Amino acid sequence: MKLATRLFLSMSLLVAAAVAGSIIAADAVLRRDLEAETAATLEAEARLVAGFLPADSTRWPELAHTAGQQLGRRVTLIDSTGRVRGDADFDRAALAGLENHAGRPEVRAALETRASCTSRCAAALPASPSYGCRRRSPESTRASIPCNWRP
């Protein structure tokens, strides 16, 4: 094999390796930035909804539905005991049948630290959500977005 051919092949391999490494690095950076931006957006939306919570929790189901429609997100309103008091995906009658959310990581974190963002995405559950929670003493609001959502 000629020297020129060997040099060409060697340089081609080096360029290909550099391009592949750049793509992998860019993917990691972009993914981290997108996840951070999504978390900040979810937390801000949860904070916004928490700011509009009426003192009368019997009005929370309607607020959850309205906020969910306007934000294009699932909005869940949870009291300090973990009971779901409003959810954009469930009507008032269905709320009583929902499980208590006090043990969920995003709710526990929000009740302890005032804000959190967690993800429970799993390969087996591609539509499982990423959550942003905000505490408005003593209640908690949660906005969520499916993990398979793409901007």
N, C-alpha and C. Protein backbone atom coordinates (compact mmCIF):
# COMPACT_ATOMS: atom_id res chain seq x y z
N MET A 1 0.85 -1.17 0.00
CA MET A 1 0.00 0.00 0.00
C MET A 1 0.90 1.24 0.00
N LYS A 2 0.54 2.19 -0.80
CA LYS A 2 1.34 3.41 -0.93
C LYS A 2 1.26 4.25 0.34
N LEU A 3 2.26 5.02 0.56
CA LEU A 3 2.32 5.90 1.71
C LEU A 3 1.16 6.89 1.70
N ALA A 4 0.86 7.45 0.55
CA ALA A 4 -0.24 8.42 0.45
C ALA A 4 -1.57 7.78 0.85
N THR A 5 -1.79 6.55 0.46
CA THR A 5 -3.03 5.84 0.79
C THR A 5 -3.11 5.60 2.30
N ARG A 6 -2.01 5.16 2.88
CA ARG A 6 -1.97 4.93 4.33
C ARG A 6 -2.21 6.21 5.11
N LEU A 7 -1.59 7.31 4.66
CA LEU A 7 -1.80 8.59 5.33
C LEU A 7 -3.26 9.04 5.21
N PHE A 8 -3.83 8.85 4.02
CA PHE A 8 -5.22 9.22 3.81
C PHE A 8 -6.14 8.41 4.73
N LEU A 9 -5.94 7.11 4.79
CA LEU A 9 -6.76 6.27 5.65
C LEU A 9 -6.59 6.61 7.13
N SER A 10 -5.35 6.87 7.54
CA SER A 10 -5.08 7.23 8.93
C SER A 10 -5.77 8.55 9.29
N MET A 11 -5.65 9.53 8.42
CA MET A 11 -6.27 10.83 8.67
C MET A 11 -7.80 10.72 8.66
N SER A 12 -8.32 9.90 7.77
CA SER A 12 -9.77 9.69 7.71
C SER A 12 -10.27 9.08 9.00
N LEU A 13 -9.56 8.09 9.53
CA LEU A 13 -9.93 7.47 10.80
C LEU A 13 -9.86 8.47 11.96
N LEU A 14 -8.82 9.29 11.97
CA LEU A 14 -8.69 10.30 13.02
C LEU A 14 -9.84 11.31 12.95
N VAL A 15 -10.18 11.75 11.75
CA VAL A 15 -11.28 12.70 11.58
C VAL A 15 -12.59 12.06 12.01
N ALA A 16 -12.82 10.81 11.60
CA ALA A 16 -14.05 10.12 11.97
C ALA A 16 -14.15 9.97 13.49
N ALA A 17 -13.04 9.63 14.14
CA ALA A 17 -13.03 9.50 15.59
C ALA A 17 -13.30 10.85 16.26
N ALA A 18 -12.72 11.91 15.73
CA ALA A 18 -12.95 13.25 16.29
C ALA A 18 -14.40 13.67 16.13
N VAL A 19 -14.98 13.40 14.98
CA VAL A 19 -16.38 13.74 14.74
C VAL A 19 -17.29 12.94 15.67
N ALA A 20 -17.04 11.65 15.79
CA ALA A 20 -17.85 10.80 16.68
C ALA A 20 -17.74 11.29 18.12
N GLY A 21 -16.55 11.61 18.57
CA GLY A 21 -16.36 12.12 19.93
C GLY A 21 -17.08 13.45 20.14
N SER A 22 -17.04 14.31 19.14
CA SER A 22 -17.74 15.60 19.24
C SER A 22 -19.25 15.41 19.32
N ILE A 23 -19.76 14.48 18.54
CA ILE A 23 -21.21 14.21 18.56
C ILE A 23 -21.63 13.67 19.92
N ILE A 24 -20.86 12.76 20.47
CA ILE A 24 -21.19 12.19 21.78
C ILE A 24 -21.13 13.26 22.86
N ALA A 25 -20.11 14.11 22.82
CA ALA A 25 -19.98 15.18 23.81
C ALA A 25 -21.11 16.20 23.68
N ALA A 26 -21.44 16.57 22.45
CA ALA A 26 -22.51 17.54 22.22
C ALA A 26 -23.85 16.98 22.69
N ASP A 27 -24.08 15.69 22.44
CA ASP A 27 -25.33 15.07 22.88
C ASP A 27 -25.46 15.14 24.40
N ALA A 28 -24.39 14.84 25.10
CA ALA A 28 -24.42 14.88 26.56
C ALA A 28 -24.69 16.29 27.08
N VAL A 29 -24.02 17.27 26.50
CA VAL A 29 -24.20 18.66 26.94
C VAL A 29 -25.61 19.15 26.62
N LEU A 30 -26.08 18.87 25.42
CA LEU A 30 -27.42 19.31 25.03
C LEU A 30 -28.50 18.63 25.87
N ARG A 31 -28.32 17.34 26.15
CA ARG A 31 -29.29 16.61 26.97
C ARG A 31 -29.34 17.21 28.38
N ARG A 32 -28.18 17.48 28.96
CA ARG A 32 -28.12 18.06 30.30
C ARG A 32 -28.80 19.44 30.32
N ASP A 33 -28.52 20.26 29.31
CA ASP A 33 -29.13 21.59 29.24
C ASP A 33 -30.64 21.51 29.04
N LEU A 34 -31.11 20.59 28.20
CA LEU A 34 -32.54 20.43 27.97
C LEU A 34 -33.24 19.95 29.23
N GLU A 35 -32.63 19.01 29.93
CA GLU A 35 -33.22 18.52 31.17
C GLU A 35 -33.29 19.63 32.23
N ALA A 36 -32.25 20.44 32.31
CA ALA A 36 -32.23 21.54 33.28
C ALA A 36 -33.28 22.59 32.91
N GLU A 37 -33.40 22.89 31.64
CA GLU A 37 -34.41 23.86 31.19
C GLU A 37 -35.82 23.33 31.43
N THR A 38 -36.04 22.06 31.16
CA THR A 38 -37.35 21.45 31.39
C THR A 38 -37.69 21.47 32.87
N ALA A 39 -36.72 21.13 33.72
CA ALA A 39 -36.94 21.15 35.17
C ALA A 39 -37.29 22.56 35.64
N ALA A 40 -36.57 23.56 35.14
CA ALA A 40 -36.84 24.95 35.54
C ALA A 40 -38.23 25.38 35.07
N THR A 41 -38.61 24.98 33.88
CA THR A 41 -39.94 25.32 33.35
C THR A 41 -41.04 24.67 34.17
N LEU A 42 -40.88 23.38 34.48
CA LEU A 42 -41.88 22.69 35.28
C LEU A 42 -42.01 23.31 36.67
N GLU A 43 -40.89 23.65 37.27
CA GLU A 43 -40.92 24.25 38.60
C GLU A 43 -41.59 25.62 38.54
N ALA A 44 -41.30 26.40 37.49
CA ALA A 44 -41.92 27.72 37.35
C ALA A 44 -43.43 27.59 37.13
N GLU A 45 -43.84 26.62 36.34
CA GLU A 45 -45.27 26.41 36.11
C GLU A 45 -45.97 25.96 37.39
N ALA A 46 -45.32 25.09 38.14
CA ALA A 46 -45.89 24.66 39.42
C ALA A 46 -45.99 25.83 40.38
N ARG A 47 -44.98 26.70 40.37
CA ARG A 47 -45.00 27.89 41.23
C ARG A 47 -46.13 28.83 40.82
N LEU A 48 -46.33 28.99 39.51
CA LEU A 48 -47.40 29.84 39.01
C LEU A 48 -48.77 29.32 39.46
N VAL A 49 -48.99 28.03 39.28
CA VAL A 49 -50.26 27.43 39.69
C VAL A 49 -50.43 27.57 41.20
N ALA A 50 -49.38 27.34 41.96
CA ALA A 50 -49.46 27.46 43.43
C ALA A 50 -49.87 28.86 43.84
N GLY A 51 -49.42 29.86 43.09
CA GLY A 51 -49.78 31.24 43.41
C GLY A 51 -51.25 31.55 43.22
N PHE A 52 -51.94 30.75 42.42
CA PHE A 52 -53.36 30.98 42.16
C PHE A 52 -54.28 30.04 42.94
N LEU A 53 -53.70 29.22 43.83
CA LEU A 53 -54.53 28.29 44.60
C LEU A 53 -55.50 29.06 45.50
N PRO A 54 -56.80 28.78 45.37
CA PRO A 54 -57.74 29.42 46.28
C PRO A 54 -57.65 28.78 47.67
N ALA A 55 -57.99 29.54 48.67
CA ALA A 55 -57.97 29.01 50.04
C ALA A 55 -58.97 27.86 50.19
N ASP A 56 -60.06 27.93 49.45
CA ASP A 56 -61.09 26.90 49.49
C ASP A 56 -60.69 25.74 48.58
N SER A 57 -60.26 24.63 49.19
CA SER A 57 -59.75 23.51 48.39
C SER A 57 -60.83 22.81 47.58
N THR A 58 -62.10 23.12 47.82
CA THR A 58 -63.15 22.52 47.00
C THR A 58 -63.13 23.08 45.58
N ARG A 59 -62.43 24.17 45.37
CA ARG A 59 -62.30 24.76 44.02
C ARG A 59 -61.05 24.29 43.30
N TRP A 60 -60.23 23.48 43.94
CA TRP A 60 -58.99 23.02 43.33
C TRP A 60 -59.17 22.16 42.09
N PRO A 61 -60.17 21.26 42.04
CA PRO A 61 -60.31 20.45 40.83
C PRO A 61 -60.48 21.29 39.56
N GLU A 62 -61.27 22.35 39.65
CA GLU A 62 -61.48 23.21 38.48
C GLU A 62 -60.18 23.94 38.12
N LEU A 63 -59.45 24.40 39.13
CA LEU A 63 -58.17 25.07 38.86
C LEU A 63 -57.19 24.11 38.19
N ALA A 64 -57.13 22.87 38.66
CA ALA A 64 -56.22 21.88 38.06
C ALA A 64 -56.57 21.66 36.59
N HIS A 65 -57.86 21.54 36.28
CA HIS A 65 -58.28 21.34 34.89
C HIS A 65 -57.94 22.55 34.03
N THR A 66 -58.26 23.74 34.52
CA THR A 66 -57.99 24.96 33.76
C THR A 66 -56.49 25.15 33.54
N ALA A 67 -55.72 25.00 34.61
CA ALA A 67 -54.26 25.17 34.50
C ALA A 67 -53.67 24.12 33.57
N GLY A 68 -54.13 22.90 33.67
CA GLY A 68 -53.63 21.84 32.80
C GLY A 68 -53.90 22.14 31.34
N GLN A 69 -55.10 22.64 31.03
CA GLN A 69 -55.43 22.99 29.65
C GLN A 69 -54.58 24.14 29.16
N GLN A 70 -54.43 25.17 29.98
CA GLN A 70 -53.68 26.35 29.57
C GLN A 70 -52.18 26.08 29.42
N LEU A 71 -51.64 25.26 30.31
CA LEU A 71 -50.21 24.96 30.27
C LEU A 71 -49.86 23.82 29.32
N GLY A 72 -50.86 23.01 28.98
CA GLY A 72 -50.59 21.84 28.16
C GLY A 72 -49.83 20.77 28.95
N ARG A 73 -50.08 20.73 30.25
CA ARG A 73 -49.40 19.81 31.15
C ARG A 73 -50.44 19.12 32.04
N ARG A 74 -50.00 18.07 32.67
CA ARG A 74 -50.81 17.49 33.73
C ARG A 74 -50.49 18.27 35.00
N VAL A 75 -51.50 18.81 35.62
CA VAL A 75 -51.33 19.57 36.86
C VAL A 75 -52.06 18.80 37.96
N THR A 76 -51.35 18.55 39.05
CA THR A 76 -51.92 17.85 40.20
C THR A 76 -51.78 18.73 41.43
N LEU A 77 -52.87 18.89 42.16
CA LEU A 77 -52.86 19.68 43.39
C LEU A 77 -53.01 18.73 44.56
N ILE A 78 -52.05 18.77 45.47
CA ILE A 78 -51.94 17.78 46.54
C ILE A 78 -51.90 18.52 47.87
N ASP A 79 -52.70 18.06 48.84
CA ASP A 79 -52.66 18.72 50.15
C ASP A 79 -51.49 18.19 50.97
N SER A 80 -51.31 18.75 52.16
CA SER A 80 -50.14 18.41 52.98
C SER A 80 -50.14 16.97 53.48
N THR A 81 -51.27 16.28 53.39
CA THR A 81 -51.31 14.88 53.80
C THR A 81 -51.04 13.92 52.64
N GLY A 82 -50.88 14.48 51.43
CA GLY A 82 -50.63 13.66 50.25
C GLY A 82 -51.87 13.34 49.45
N ARG A 83 -53.01 13.83 49.92
CA ARG A 83 -54.28 13.58 49.22
C ARG A 83 -54.37 14.46 47.97
N VAL A 84 -54.72 13.86 46.84
CA VAL A 84 -54.89 14.61 45.61
C VAL A 84 -56.22 15.35 45.69
N ARG A 85 -56.15 16.67 45.62
CA ARG A 85 -57.35 17.51 45.72
C ARG A 85 -57.79 18.04 44.37
N GLY A 86 -56.93 17.93 43.36
CA GLY A 86 -57.27 18.35 42.01
C GLY A 86 -56.27 17.77 41.04
N ASP A 87 -56.73 17.33 39.88
CA ASP A 87 -55.83 16.75 38.88
C ASP A 87 -56.42 17.00 37.50
N ALA A 88 -55.61 17.49 36.60
CA ALA A 88 -56.08 17.82 35.25
C ALA A 88 -56.58 16.59 34.50
N ASP A 89 -56.12 15.41 34.86
CA ASP A 89 -56.51 14.20 34.14
C ASP A 89 -57.68 13.45 34.77
N PHE A 90 -58.18 13.92 35.91
CA PHE A 90 -59.26 13.22 36.60
C PHE A 90 -60.36 14.20 36.98
N ASP A 91 -61.61 13.77 36.86
CA ASP A 91 -62.71 14.62 37.28
C ASP A 91 -62.87 14.53 38.80
N ARG A 92 -63.70 15.39 39.33
CA ARG A 92 -63.90 15.50 40.78
C ARG A 92 -64.27 14.14 41.40
N ALA A 93 -65.14 13.39 40.75
CA ALA A 93 -65.60 12.11 41.29
C ALA A 93 -64.47 11.09 41.38
N ALA A 94 -63.54 11.13 40.46
CA ALA A 94 -62.45 10.15 40.43
C ALA A 94 -61.35 10.46 41.45
N LEU A 95 -61.29 11.68 41.96
CA LEU A 95 -60.21 12.06 42.87
C LEU A 95 -60.17 11.21 44.14
N ALA A 96 -61.33 10.84 44.65
CA ALA A 96 -61.38 10.05 45.89
C ALA A 96 -60.73 8.69 45.71
N GLY A 97 -60.71 8.17 44.49
CA GLY A 97 -60.13 6.86 44.25
C GLY A 97 -58.64 6.87 43.97
N LEU A 98 -58.04 8.04 43.91
CA LEU A 98 -56.61 8.12 43.63
C LEU A 98 -55.80 7.79 44.88
N GLU A 99 -54.65 7.16 44.68
CA GLU A 99 -53.79 6.82 45.81
C GLU A 99 -53.21 8.06 46.45
N ASN A 100 -52.86 7.94 47.70
CA ASN A 100 -52.21 9.02 48.43
C ASN A 100 -50.81 9.23 47.86
N HIS A 101 -50.44 10.49 47.63
CA HIS A 101 -49.16 10.81 47.01
C HIS A 101 -48.06 11.18 48.01
N ALA A 102 -48.33 11.05 49.29
CA ALA A 102 -47.37 11.47 50.31
C ALA A 102 -46.03 10.75 50.19
N GLY A 103 -46.02 9.52 49.71
CA GLY A 103 -44.78 8.76 49.61
C GLY A 103 -44.02 8.95 48.32
N ARG A 104 -44.57 9.71 47.39
CA ARG A 104 -43.88 9.89 46.11
C ARG A 104 -42.70 10.83 46.27
N PRO A 105 -41.59 10.52 45.61
CA PRO A 105 -40.37 11.30 45.83
C PRO A 105 -40.52 12.79 45.54
N GLU A 106 -41.20 13.15 44.46
CA GLU A 106 -41.33 14.56 44.12
C GLU A 106 -42.21 15.31 45.12
N VAL A 107 -43.20 14.64 45.68
CA VAL A 107 -44.08 15.26 46.67
C VAL A 107 -43.35 15.39 48.00
N ARG A 108 -42.67 14.32 48.43
CA ARG A 108 -41.89 14.39 49.68
C ARG A 108 -40.87 15.52 49.61
N ALA A 109 -40.15 15.59 48.49
CA ALA A 109 -39.13 16.63 48.35
C ALA A 109 -39.75 18.02 48.37
N ALA A 110 -40.87 18.19 47.68
CA ALA A 110 -41.52 19.51 47.66
C ALA A 110 -42.01 19.90 49.05
N LEU A 111 -42.56 18.95 49.79
CA LEU A 111 -43.05 19.27 51.13
C LEU A 111 -41.90 19.55 52.10
N GLU A 112 -40.73 18.99 51.84
CA GLU A 112 -39.58 19.21 52.72
C GLU A 112 -38.79 20.45 52.34
N THR A 113 -38.65 20.71 51.04
CA THR A 113 -37.72 21.77 50.61
C THR A 113 -38.37 22.90 49.82
N ARG A 114 -39.66 22.86 49.63
CA ARG A 114 -40.43 23.86 48.90
C ARG A 114 -40.41 23.67 47.39
N ALA A 115 -39.42 23.03 46.80
CA ALA A 115 -39.42 22.81 45.35
C ALA A 115 -38.58 21.59 45.02
N SER A 116 -38.97 20.92 43.96
CA SER A 116 -38.19 19.78 43.51
C SER A 116 -38.52 19.49 42.06
N CYS A 117 -37.63 18.79 41.45
CA CYS A 117 -37.91 18.26 40.12
C CYS A 117 -37.30 16.88 40.09
N THR A 118 -38.12 15.90 39.77
CA THR A 118 -37.64 14.53 39.71
C THR A 118 -38.11 13.90 38.42
N SER A 119 -37.52 12.79 38.12
CA SER A 119 -37.90 12.05 36.93
C SER A 119 -38.00 10.59 37.29
N ARG A 120 -39.06 9.96 36.83
CA ARG A 120 -39.21 8.54 37.05
C ARG A 120 -39.29 7.83 35.70
N CYS A 121 -38.51 8.29 34.75
CA CYS A 121 -38.53 7.71 33.42
C CYS A 121 -37.88 6.33 33.47
N ALA A 122 -38.44 5.42 32.73
CA ALA A 122 -37.89 4.08 32.65
C ALA A 122 -38.03 3.58 31.22
N ALA A 123 -37.10 2.78 30.81
CA ALA A 123 -37.14 2.26 29.44
C ALA A 123 -38.42 1.48 29.19
N ALA A 124 -38.90 0.77 30.20
CA ALA A 124 -40.11 -0.02 30.04
C ALA A 124 -41.36 0.85 30.01
N LEU A 125 -41.25 2.07 30.52
CA LEU A 125 -42.39 2.99 30.56
C LEU A 125 -42.02 4.29 29.87
N PRO A 126 -41.97 4.31 28.54
CA PRO A 126 -41.49 5.50 27.84
C PRO A 126 -42.34 6.74 28.04
N ALA A 127 -43.59 6.57 28.43
CA ALA A 127 -44.44 7.74 28.66
C ALA A 127 -44.49 8.14 30.12
N SER A 128 -43.64 7.52 30.97
CA SER A 128 -43.65 7.90 32.38
C SER A 128 -43.16 9.33 32.50
N PRO A 129 -43.67 10.07 33.48
CA PRO A 129 -43.43 11.51 33.49
C PRO A 129 -42.21 11.98 34.26
N SER A 130 -41.83 13.19 33.95
CA SER A 130 -40.86 13.95 34.71
C SER A 130 -41.68 14.98 35.47
N TYR A 131 -41.35 15.25 36.72
CA TYR A 131 -42.19 16.09 37.55
C TYR A 131 -41.47 17.34 38.04
N GLY A 132 -42.21 18.41 38.16
CA GLY A 132 -41.76 19.60 38.86
C GLY A 132 -42.76 19.88 39.95
N CYS A 133 -42.31 19.99 41.16
CA CYS A 133 -43.23 20.25 42.28
C CYS A 133 -42.85 21.54 42.97
N ARG A 134 -43.86 22.17 43.53
CA ARG A 134 -43.64 23.40 44.27
C ARG A 134 -44.53 23.36 45.50
N ARG A 135 -43.97 23.69 46.62
CA ARG A 135 -44.76 23.73 47.86
C ARG A 135 -45.28 25.14 48.07
N ARG A 136 -46.53 25.23 48.39
CA ARG A 136 -47.14 26.48 48.86
C ARG A 136 -47.75 26.12 50.18
N SER A 137 -47.03 26.43 51.22
CA SER A 137 -47.35 25.94 52.55
C SER A 137 -48.84 25.95 52.81
N PRO A 138 -49.43 24.85 53.23
CA PRO A 138 -48.84 23.54 53.40
C PRO A 138 -49.09 22.62 52.20
N GLU A 139 -49.65 23.16 51.10
CA GLU A 139 -50.02 22.34 49.97
C GLU A 139 -48.86 22.15 49.01
N SER A 140 -49.07 21.30 48.03
CA SER A 140 -48.06 21.03 47.02
C SER A 140 -48.74 21.02 45.66
N THR A 141 -48.10 21.61 44.66
CA THR A 141 -48.60 21.53 43.30
C THR A 141 -47.57 20.78 42.48
N ARG A 142 -48.05 20.10 41.46
CA ARG A 142 -47.15 19.33 40.62
C ARG A 142 -47.54 19.52 39.17
N ALA A 143 -46.57 19.88 38.36
CA ALA A 143 -46.76 19.91 36.91
C ALA A 143 -45.90 18.79 36.37
N SER A 144 -46.37 18.09 35.37
CA SER A 144 -45.57 17.00 34.83
C SER A 144 -45.58 17.00 33.33
N ILE A 145 -44.60 16.35 32.79
CA ILE A 145 -44.43 16.26 31.35
C ILE A 145 -43.97 14.84 31.03
N PRO A 146 -44.52 14.21 30.00
CA PRO A 146 -44.09 12.84 29.67
C PRO A 146 -42.62 12.80 29.26
N CYS A 147 -41.93 11.73 29.61
CA CYS A 147 -40.52 11.62 29.25
C CYS A 147 -40.31 11.53 27.74
N ASN A 148 -41.31 11.09 27.01
CA ASN A 148 -41.14 10.99 25.56
C ASN A 148 -41.52 12.28 24.85
N TRP A 149 -41.77 13.37 25.61
CA TRP A 149 -42.07 14.67 25.03
C TRP A 149 -40.82 15.23 24.37
N ARG A 150 -41.00 15.83 23.23
CA ARG A 150 -39.88 16.46 22.53
C ARG A 150 -40.29 17.87 22.18
N PRO A 151 -39.41 18.87 22.40
CA PRO A 151 -39.74 20.26 22.07
C PRO A 151 -39.84 20.44 20.56
